[in-house]
Amino acid sequence: MVSGERRERVASTLAPPPVISRGAGYASLIGQVAGKHALDPRLIQAVVAVESSYRYDTVSEKGAIGLMQVMPETAARFGHFALLDPRDNLEVGTRYLSTLLRRFNGRLDLALAGYNAGEGAVLRYGGTIPPYPETQRYVQRVLEYYRQLRSTVPAAAVPQTEMVVHTSGGVGNLGQLWRLLTSGSPGSSASSRT
């Protein structure tokens, strides 16, 4: 059993910055796009917060573009090219995340790792989160933002969807961290509808 003080200390090191409040202007659009792909809009908000801090015109040094930091090759795969357009960017990023969730059997941690490092990296490491520090931090941050949004945005405000997402699993420290943050036990692999 982890003490409340330790849980609070761990949670505070991953606490989302005020950037999430910037997402209010995109809430309706995110809700529409997420609903179309049967995903929880709060998950998409968490990804956008980590990827771009809600800046639609952000371009990374690796060439990822827009709110969800989509690579042009990924956009082409889904037939979209206007990545500086918030709707197109959200459409491609959300569709890709939905594809990854299906590919990894609803394992949110693996889908997020695939979104960050590429699905090939997850497969190369035997269906686990690759041992890249950037990817491990990314997964932790998105899961923490998502947990925080789920605790502050009422479920009644989120449309019910059909995608089943598993938010825990045998992922070593990340799985332990998730259970710590959600107060779940190792055997309770919290499966939630998003």
Protein backbone atom coordinates (compact mmCIF):
# COMPACT_ATOMS: atom_id res chain seq x y z
CA MET A 1 0.00 0.00 0.00
CA VAL A 2 1.34 3.41 -0.95
CA SER A 3 0.95 6.23 1.51
CA GLY A 4 -1.24 9.19 0.61
CA GLU A 5 1.79 11.45 0.89
CA ARG A 6 3.73 9.45 -1.71
CA ARG A 7 0.72 9.30 -4.05
CA GLU A 8 0.35 13.07 -3.75
CA ARG A 9 4.07 13.62 -4.40
CA VAL A 10 4.06 11.38 -7.49
CA ALA A 11 0.87 12.97 -8.81
CA SER A 12 2.23 16.48 -8.31
CA THR A 13 5.33 15.70 -10.40
CA LEU A 14 3.08 14.79 -13.32
CA ALA A 15 0.41 17.43 -12.72
CA PRO A 16 -0.84 18.90 -15.97
CA PRO A 17 0.09 22.49 -16.61
CA PRO A 18 -2.56 25.18 -17.03
CA VAL A 19 -2.33 24.52 -20.78
CA ILE A 20 -5.39 22.25 -20.60
CA SER A 21 -7.58 25.28 -19.97
CA ARG A 22 -6.49 26.61 -23.40
CA GLY A 23 -8.47 23.79 -24.94
CA ALA A 24 -11.84 25.40 -24.21
CA GLY A 25 -11.87 26.98 -27.67
CA TYR A 26 -11.49 23.56 -29.27
CA ALA A 27 -13.85 21.61 -27.00
CA SER A 28 -16.75 21.48 -29.44
CA LEU A 29 -14.59 20.51 -32.42
CA ILE A 30 -12.73 17.90 -30.39
CA GLY A 31 -16.07 16.52 -29.19
CA GLN A 32 -17.35 16.19 -32.76
CA VAL A 33 -14.23 14.52 -34.11
CA ALA A 34 -13.77 12.23 -31.09
CA GLY A 35 -17.42 11.15 -31.25
CA LYS A 36 -17.05 10.30 -34.94
CA HIS A 37 -14.24 7.90 -34.04
CA ALA A 38 -15.81 6.54 -30.83
CA LEU A 39 -13.16 8.07 -28.55
CA ASP A 40 -13.48 10.03 -25.35
CA PRO A 41 -12.92 13.74 -26.15
CA ARG A 42 -11.02 14.03 -22.88
CA LEU A 43 -8.43 11.61 -24.26
CA ILE A 44 -8.02 13.74 -27.39
CA GLN A 45 -7.73 16.85 -25.22
CA ALA A 46 -4.96 15.17 -23.23
CA VAL A 47 -3.08 14.22 -26.41
CA VAL A 48 -3.43 17.75 -27.83
CA ALA A 49 -2.24 19.29 -24.54
CA VAL A 50 0.92 17.17 -24.59
CA GLU A 51 1.57 17.34 -28.32
CA SER A 52 1.09 21.06 -29.03
CA SER A 53 -0.22 22.85 -25.94
CA TYR A 54 -3.26 23.64 -28.13
CA ARG A 55 -1.23 25.58 -30.70
CA TYR A 56 -2.65 24.76 -34.13
CA ASP A 57 0.35 26.19 -36.01
CA THR A 58 3.11 24.31 -34.18
CA VAL A 59 5.64 22.44 -36.32
CA SER A 60 8.18 20.20 -34.57
CA GLU A 61 11.81 19.86 -35.58
CA LYS A 62 10.93 16.36 -36.83
CA GLY A 63 8.20 17.78 -39.09
CA ALA A 64 5.08 16.92 -37.06
CA ILE A 65 2.38 19.54 -37.61
CA GLY A 66 -0.53 21.09 -35.77
CA LEU A 67 -2.66 20.38 -32.73
CA MET A 68 -2.00 16.64 -32.66
CA GLN A 69 1.50 16.90 -34.16
CA VAL A 70 0.70 14.68 -37.13
CA MET A 71 3.47 13.65 -39.50
CA PRO A 72 2.70 14.39 -43.17
CA GLU A 73 3.19 10.69 -44.02
CA THR A 74 0.50 9.73 -41.50
CA ALA A 75 -1.85 12.36 -42.90
CA ALA A 76 -1.31 11.04 -46.43
CA ARG A 77 -2.14 7.55 -45.21
CA PHE A 78 -5.59 8.85 -44.23
CA GLY A 79 -6.04 11.15 -47.23
CA HIS A 80 -5.63 14.47 -45.41
CA PHE A 81 -3.06 17.10 -46.14
CA ALA A 82 -4.16 20.41 -44.56
CA LEU A 83 -2.50 19.75 -41.21
CA LEU A 84 -2.54 23.41 -40.14
CA ASP A 85 -6.34 23.29 -40.34
CA PRO A 86 -7.49 22.31 -36.83
CA ARG A 87 -10.38 20.14 -38.09
CA ASP A 88 -8.21 18.17 -40.53
CA ASN A 89 -5.43 17.80 -37.98
CA LEU A 90 -7.81 16.55 -35.29
CA GLU A 91 -9.46 14.22 -37.81
CA VAL A 92 -6.17 12.59 -38.83
CA GLY A 93 -4.72 12.41 -35.32
CA THR A 94 -7.91 11.02 -33.79
CA ARG A 95 -8.41 8.52 -36.59
CA TYR A 96 -4.81 7.36 -36.21
CA LEU A 97 -5.15 7.00 -32.44
CA SER A 98 -8.38 5.03 -32.94
CA THR A 99 -6.55 2.77 -35.42
CA LEU A 100 -3.75 2.21 -32.91
CA LEU A 101 -6.21 1.39 -30.13
CA ARG A 102 -7.78 -1.29 -32.32
CA ARG A 103 -4.37 -2.60 -33.38
CA PHE A 104 -3.24 -2.91 -29.76
CA ASN A 105 -6.52 -4.42 -28.50
CA GLY A 106 -7.66 -1.35 -26.59
CA ARG A 107 -4.36 -0.96 -24.70
CA LEU A 108 -4.21 2.81 -24.29
CA ASP A 109 -0.60 2.76 -23.10
CA LEU A 110 0.53 0.93 -26.24
CA ALA A 111 -1.60 3.07 -28.54
CA LEU A 112 -0.06 6.21 -27.05
CA ALA A 113 3.44 4.75 -27.35
CA GLY A 114 2.69 3.95 -30.99
CA TYR A 115 1.35 7.45 -31.55
CA ASN A 116 4.59 8.90 -30.20
CA ALA A 117 7.27 6.48 -31.39
CA GLY A 118 5.47 4.79 -34.27
CA GLU A 119 3.51 1.57 -34.21
CA GLY A 120 6.53 -0.26 -35.64
CA ALA A 121 8.56 0.60 -32.53
CA VAL A 122 5.91 -0.96 -30.28
CA LEU A 123 5.90 -4.08 -32.43
CA ARG A 124 9.72 -4.26 -32.51
CA TYR A 125 9.72 -4.34 -28.71
CA GLY A 126 7.29 -7.24 -28.57
CA GLY A 127 4.10 -5.28 -28.00
CA THR A 128 5.49 -3.25 -25.11
CA ILE A 129 6.28 0.42 -24.65
CA PRO A 130 9.65 1.02 -26.28
CA PRO A 131 12.46 1.83 -23.84
CA TYR A 132 12.78 5.37 -25.18
CA PRO A 133 12.73 7.92 -22.33
CA GLU A 134 10.82 10.43 -24.48
CA THR A 135 8.10 7.89 -25.29
CA GLN A 136 7.84 6.70 -21.69
CA ARG A 137 7.46 10.30 -20.46
CA TYR A 138 4.93 10.98 -23.22
CA VAL A 139 2.74 8.04 -22.22
CA GLN A 140 2.93 9.06 -18.54
CA ARG A 141 2.00 12.67 -19.29
CA VAL A 142 -0.95 11.84 -21.55
CA LEU A 143 -2.30 9.28 -19.06
CA GLU A 144 -1.98 11.79 -16.23
CA TYR A 145 -3.69 14.57 -18.19
CA TYR A 146 -6.43 12.15 -19.20
CA ARG A 147 -6.90 11.00 -15.59
CA GLN A 148 -7.10 14.60 -14.46
CA LEU A 149 -9.62 15.51 -17.15
CA ARG A 150 -11.72 12.46 -16.29
CA SER A 151 -11.79 13.58 -12.67
CA THR A 152 -12.78 17.17 -13.50
CA VAL A 153 -15.05 16.86 -16.55
CA PRO A 154 -18.35 15.15 -15.67
CA ALA A 155 -19.01 11.88 -17.48
CA ALA A 156 -22.49 13.16 -18.35
CA ALA A 157 -20.81 15.81 -20.53
CA VAL A 158 -19.01 13.13 -22.55
CA PRO A 159 -20.87 11.15 -25.22
CA GLN A 160 -20.95 7.40 -24.67
CA THR A 161 -18.87 5.52 -27.22
CA GLU A 162 -18.19 1.91 -28.08
CA MET A 163 -14.37 1.83 -27.92
CA VAL A 164 -13.10 -0.19 -24.99
CA VAL A 165 -9.83 1.15 -23.64
CA HIS A 166 -7.66 -0.71 -21.14
CA THR A 167 -5.73 1.79 -19.06
CA SER A 168 -3.40 -0.63 -17.36
CA GLY A 169 -1.47 -3.72 -18.11
CA GLY A 170 1.86 -5.40 -17.75
CA VAL A 171 3.96 -2.41 -18.66
CA GLY A 172 6.37 -2.37 -15.74
CA ASN A 173 6.76 0.97 -14.07
CA LEU A 174 4.15 2.66 -16.27
CA GLY A 175 1.53 0.12 -15.24
CA GLN A 176 2.51 0.57 -11.61
CA LEU A 177 2.38 4.35 -12.00
CA TRP A 178 -1.09 4.17 -13.54
CA ARG A 179 -2.36 1.97 -10.69
CA LEU A 180 -0.80 4.35 -8.17
CA LEU A 181 -2.46 7.38 -9.74
CA THR A 182 -5.85 5.70 -10.03
CA SER A 183 -5.64 3.85 -6.70
CA GLY A 184 -6.30 0.60 -8.54
CA SER A 185 -4.87 -2.74 -7.56
CA PRO A 186 -2.67 -4.75 -9.92
CA GLY A 187 -5.44 -7.25 -10.58
CA SER A 188 -8.09 -4.65 -11.29
CA SER A 189 -6.86 -3.67 -14.78
CA ALA A 190 -9.41 -0.89 -15.04
CA SER A 191 -11.22 -1.26 -18.32
CA SER A 192 -13.31 1.78 -18.98
CA ARG A 193 -15.62 2.97 -21.66
CA THR A 194 -14.41 6.15 -23.21
